[in-house]
C-alpha atoms as a PDB file:
ATOM      1  CA  MET A   1      21.892 -31.851-102.550  1.00  0.00           C
ATOM      2  CA  ALA A   2      22.563 -29.446 -99.737  1.00  0.00           C
ATOM      3  CA  LYS A   3      26.258 -29.195-100.732  1.00  0.00           C
ATOM      4  CA  ASP A   4      25.248 -28.320-104.247  1.00  0.00           C
ATOM      5  CA  GLN A   5      22.973 -25.432-103.035  1.00  0.00           C
ATOM      6  CA  ASN A   6      25.826 -24.189-100.715  1.00  0.00           C
ATOM      7  CA  SER A   7      28.348 -24.277-103.468  1.00  0.00           C
ATOM      8  CA  GLU A   8      26.047 -22.416-105.869  1.00  0.00           C
ATOM      9  CA  ALA A   9      25.392 -19.851-103.205  1.00  0.00           C
ATOM     10  CA  ALA A  10      28.975 -19.490-102.580  1.00  0.00           C
ATOM     11  CA  LYS A  11      29.760 -18.962-106.261  1.00  0.00           C
ATOM     12  CA  LYS A  12      27.133 -16.374-106.467  1.00  0.00           C
ATOM     13  CA  VAL A  13      28.614 -14.593-103.423  1.00  0.00           C
ATOM     14  CA  ALA A  14      32.100 -14.605-104.874  1.00  0.00           C
ATOM     15  CA  GLU A  15      30.850 -13.288-108.270  1.00  0.00           C
ATOM     16  CA  ALA A  16      28.948 -10.404-106.445  1.00  0.00           C
ATOM     17  CA  GLU A  17      32.364  -9.643-104.459  1.00  0.00           C
ATOM     18  CA  LYS A  18      34.308  -9.463-107.708  1.00  0.00           C
ATOM     19  CA  ALA A  19      31.799  -7.295-109.375  1.00  0.00           C
ATOM     20  CA  SER A  20      31.748  -4.874-106.440  1.00  0.00           C
ATOM     21  CA  LYS A  21      35.574  -5.009-106.434  1.00  0.00           C
ATOM     22  CA  LYS A  22      35.631  -3.914-110.071  1.00  0.00           C
ATOM     23  CA  LYS A  23      33.284  -1.077-109.446  1.00  0.00           C
ATOM     24  CA  ALA A  24      35.265   0.077-106.464  1.00  0.00           C
ATOM     25  CA  GLY A  25      38.378  -0.174-108.390  1.00  0.00           C
ATOM     26  CA  LYS A  26      37.392   2.651-110.888  1.00  0.00           C
ATOM     27  CA  SER A  27      38.354   6.148-109.937  1.00  0.00           C
ATOM     28  CA  GLY A  28      34.818   7.493-110.149  1.00  0.00           C
ATOM     29  CA  GLY A  29      34.257   7.256-113.918  1.00  0.00           C
ATOM     30  CA  PRO A  30      34.686   9.872-116.529  1.00  0.00           C
ATOM     31  CA  ASN A  31      35.865  13.491-116.062  1.00  0.00           C
ATOM     32  CA  VAL A  32      34.066  15.730-113.470  1.00  0.00           C
ATOM     33  CA  PHE A  33      32.803  18.023-116.264  1.00  0.00           C
ATOM     34  CA  VAL A  34      31.445  15.089-118.293  1.00  0.00           C
ATOM     35  CA  ARG A  35      29.614  13.771-115.229  1.00  0.00           C
ATOM     36  CA  MET A  36      28.358  17.312-114.416  1.00  0.00           C
ATOM     37  CA  GLY A  37      27.149  17.723-118.041  1.00  0.00           C
ATOM     38  CA  LYS A  38      25.271  14.321-117.956  1.00  0.00           C
ATOM     39  CA  ALA A  39      23.710  15.289-114.668  1.00  0.00           C
ATOM     40  CA  ILE A  40      22.510  18.597-115.938  1.00  0.00           C
ATOM     41  CA  ALA A  41      21.087  17.016-119.174  1.00  0.00           C
ATOM     42  CA  LYS A  42      19.311  14.509-117.069  1.00  0.00           C
ATOM     43  CA  PHE A  43      17.751  17.282-114.871  1.00  0.00           C
ATOM     44  CA  PHE A  44      16.404  19.102-117.799  1.00  0.00           C
ATOM     45  CA  LYS A  45      15.077  15.881-119.351  1.00  0.00           C
ATOM     46  CA  ASP A  46      13.317  15.069-116.099  1.00  0.00           C
ATOM     47  CA  LEU A  47      12.085  18.552-115.874  1.00  0.00           C
ATOM     48  CA  LYS A  48      10.516  18.222-119.370  1.00  0.00           C
ATOM     49  CA  GLY A  49       8.841  15.147-118.401  1.00  0.00           C
ATOM     50  CA  GLU A  50       7.296  16.613-115.184  1.00  0.00           C
ATOM     51  CA  ASN A  51       6.138  19.686-117.082  1.00  0.00           C
ATOM     52  CA  LYS A  52       4.180  17.265-119.290  1.00  0.00           C
ATOM     53  CA  LYS A  53       2.339  15.917-116.321  1.00  0.00           C
ATOM     54  CA  ILE A  54       0.924  19.334-115.170  1.00  0.00           C
ATOM     55  CA  ILE A  55      -2.858  19.864-115.751  1.00  0.00           C
ATOM     56  CA  TRP A  56      -3.607  23.509-115.947  1.00  0.00           C
ATOM     57  CA  PRO A  57      -6.949  24.674-114.729  1.00  0.00           C
ATOM     58  CA  ASN A  58      -9.328  26.541-116.991  1.00  0.00           C
ATOM     59  CA  ALA A  59     -10.465  30.163-116.575  1.00  0.00           C
ATOM     60  CA  LYS A  60     -13.722  29.179-114.641  1.00  0.00           C
ATOM     61  CA  THR A  61     -11.780  27.194-111.912  1.00  0.00           C
ATOM     62  CA  VAL A  62      -9.280  29.962-111.558  1.00  0.00           C
ATOM     63  CA  LEU A  63     -11.850  32.597-110.973  1.00  0.00           C
ATOM     64  CA  LYS A  64     -13.804  30.318-108.516  1.00  0.00           C
ATOM     65  CA  ASN A  65     -10.702  29.576-106.448  1.00  0.00           C
ATOM     66  CA  SER A  66      -9.625  33.146-106.542  1.00  0.00           C
ATOM     67  CA  GLY A  67     -13.035  34.210-105.102  1.00  0.00           C
ATOM     68  CA  ILE A  68     -12.794  31.643-102.405  1.00  0.00           C
ATOM     69  CA  VAL A  69      -9.351  32.978-101.419  1.00  0.00           C
ATOM     70  CA  LEU A  70     -10.514  36.550-101.380  1.00  0.00           C
ATOM     71  CA  ALA A  71     -13.571  35.704 -99.251  1.00  0.00           C
ATOM     72  CA  VAL A  72     -11.502  33.783 -96.733  1.00  0.00           C
ATOM     73  CA  VAL A  73      -8.887  36.647 -96.497  1.00  0.00           C
ATOM     74  CA  ILE A  74     -11.631  39.178 -95.844  1.00  0.00           C
ATOM     75  CA  ILE A  75     -13.373  36.957 -93.246  1.00  0.00           C
ATOM     76  CA  ILE A  76     -10.168  36.335 -91.322  1.00  0.00           C
ATOM     77  CA  GLY A  77      -8.967  40.078 -91.859  1.00  0.00           C
ATOM     78  CA  ALA A  78     -12.346  41.120 -90.235  1.00  0.00           C
ATOM     79  CA  GLY A  79     -12.026  38.659 -87.350  1.00  0.00           C
ATOM     80  CA  ILE A  80      -8.438  39.996 -86.579  1.00  0.00           C
ATOM     81  CA  TRP A  81      -9.747  43.618 -86.778  1.00  0.00           C
ATOM     82  CA  LEU A  82     -12.494  42.825 -84.322  1.00  0.00           C
ATOM     83  CA  VAL A  83     -10.074  41.150 -81.751  1.00  0.00           C
ATOM     84  CA  ASP A  84      -7.641  44.032 -82.276  1.00  0.00           C
ATOM     85  CA  PHE A  85     -10.393  46.657 -81.644  1.00  0.00           C
ATOM     86  CA  ALA A  86     -11.766  44.863 -78.605  1.00  0.00           C
ATOM     87  CA  LEU A  87      -8.260  44.488 -77.094  1.00  0.00           C
ATOM     88  CA  SER A  88      -7.474  48.173 -77.791  1.00  0.00           C
ATOM     89  CA  ALA A  89     -10.719  49.330 -76.143  1.00  0.00           C
ATOM     90  CA  GLY A  90      -9.824  47.148 -73.163  1.00  0.00           C
ATOM     91  CA  VAL A  91      -6.347  48.469 -72.837  1.00  0.00           C
ATOM     92  CA  ASN A  92      -7.661  52.058 -73.190  1.00  0.00           C
ATOM     93  CA  ALA A  93     -10.326  51.584 -70.592  1.00  0.00           C
ATOM     94  CA  VAL A  94      -7.711  50.295 -68.168  1.00  0.00           C
ATOM     95  CA  LEU A  95      -5.301  53.184 -68.975  1.00  0.00           C
ATOM     96  CA  ASP A  96      -8.081  55.657 -68.665  1.00  0.00           C
ATOM     97  CA  ILE A  97      -8.914  54.546 -65.157  1.00  0.00           C
ATOM     98  CA  LYS A  98      -5.282  54.773 -64.094  1.00  0.00           C
ATOM     99  CA  VAL A  99      -4.568  58.075 -65.773  1.00  0.00           C
ATOM    100  CA  GLY A 100      -7.783  59.483 -64.514  1.00  0.00           C
ATOM    101  CA  GLU A 101      -6.625  58.828 -60.939  1.00  0.00           C
ATOM    102  CA  GLU A 102      -3.346  60.414 -61.547  1.00  0.00           C
ATOM    103  CA  THR A 103      -4.935  63.468 -63.264  1.00  0.00           C
ATOM    104  CA  THR A 104      -7.139  64.115 -60.289  1.00  0.00           C
ATOM    105  CA  VAL A 105      -4.092  63.971 -57.907  1.00  0.00           C
ATOM    106  CA  SER A 106      -2.003  66.163 -60.160  1.00  0.00           C
ATOM    107  CA  SER A 107      -4.676  68.706 -60.789  1.00  0.00           C
ATOM    108  CA  GLU A 108      -5.138  69.103 -57.063  1.00  0.00           C
ATOM    109  CA  ALA A 109      -1.416  69.551 -56.696  1.00  0.00           C
ATOM    110  CA  GLU A 110      -1.329  72.216 -59.519  1.00  0.00           C
ATOM    111  CA  THR A 111      -4.188  74.101 -58.056  1.00  0.00           C
ATOM    112  CA  THR A 112      -2.295  74.282 -54.658  1.00  0.00           C
ATOM    113  CA  THR A 113       0.773  75.357 -56.519  1.00  0.00           C
ATOM    114  CA  VAL A 114      -1.025  77.999 -58.610  1.00  0.00           C
ATOM    115  CA  ALA A 115      -2.905  79.325 -55.436  1.00  0.00           C
ATOM    116  CA  ALA A 116       0.544  79.496 -53.565  1.00  0.00           C
ATOM    117  CA  THR A 117       2.253  81.326 -56.442  1.00  0.00           C
ATOM    118  CA  THR A 118      -0.655  83.752 -56.819  1.00  0.00           C
ATOM    119  CA  ALA A 119      -0.722  84.606 -53.086  1.00  0.00           C
ATOM    120  CA  ALA A 120       3.132  85.075 -53.082  1.00  0.00           C
ATOM    121  CA  THR A 121       2.960  87.530 -56.136  1.00  0.00           C
ATOM    122  CA  THR A 122       0.023  89.556 -54.935  1.00  0.00           C
ATOM    123  CA  VAL A 123       1.103  89.780 -51.221  1.00  0.00           C
ATOM    124  CA  ALA A 124       4.676  90.839 -51.777  1.00  0.00           C
ATOM    125  CA  PRO A 125       5.039  94.581 -51.475  1.00  0.00           C
ATOM    126  CA  THR A 126       6.446  96.529 -54.535  1.00  0.00           C
ATOM    127  CA  THR A 127       7.976  99.800 -54.399  1.00  0.00           C
ATOM    128  CA  GLU A 128       8.798  99.970 -58.076  1.00  0.00           C
ATOM    129  CA  ALA A 129       6.424  99.814 -61.017  1.00  0.00           C
ATOM    130  CA  PRO A 130       5.292  96.359 -61.764  1.00  0.00           C
ATOM    131  CA  SER A 131       7.495  94.885 -64.455  1.00  0.00           C
ATOM    132  CA  ALA A 132       6.571  92.779 -67.374  1.00  0.00           C
ATOM    133  CA  GLU A 133       7.880  89.637 -65.522  1.00  0.00           C
ATOM    134  CA  VAL A 134       5.280  90.046 -62.647  1.00  0.00           C
ATOM    135  CA  SER A 135       2.463  90.438 -65.056  1.00  0.00           C
ATOM    136  CA  SER A 136       3.570  87.403 -67.058  1.00  0.00           C
ATOM    137  CA  VAL A 137       3.718  85.476 -63.916  1.00  0.00           C
ATOM    138  CA  GLU A 138       0.207  86.568 -62.879  1.00  0.00           C
ATOM    139  CA  THR A 139      -1.063  85.773 -66.468  1.00  0.00           C
ATOM    140  CA  SER A 140       0.420  82.236 -66.402  1.00  0.00           C
ATOM    141  CA  SER A 141      -0.804  81.530 -62.926  1.00  0.00           C
ATOM    142  CA  ALA A 142      -4.282  82.782 -63.762  1.00  0.00           C
ATOM    143  CA  GLU A 143      -4.501  80.188 -66.548  1.00  0.00           C
END
């Protein structure tokens, strides 16, 4: 009995090998264009079948879902705006502290420079009539 089962299994294996050799022996079937045409036709047939499965929502559902989307977008947008506003205020506060220190130092240096320029222009003896250049320097230094 075991020999009968082995021989039947061997026959089935041999038949399967013959069938696979026949399939492998073909050069790929019909022409490339014929196969491509069949593939395109199958694609559109499957597309039509898939389109039949679609369940379209009614107007009430669409309006409800659109309202939910708009509400979520507004809430998230407000959250992003608040975070951006807070971070911008923090950065500006840090920059104002740093710029405030530099402004104090630079304004003291400008005051010293303006005072030195004013002293130099007023102390210098002039034998000629004052020219327009001197008056413009005094005007700019007075500012």
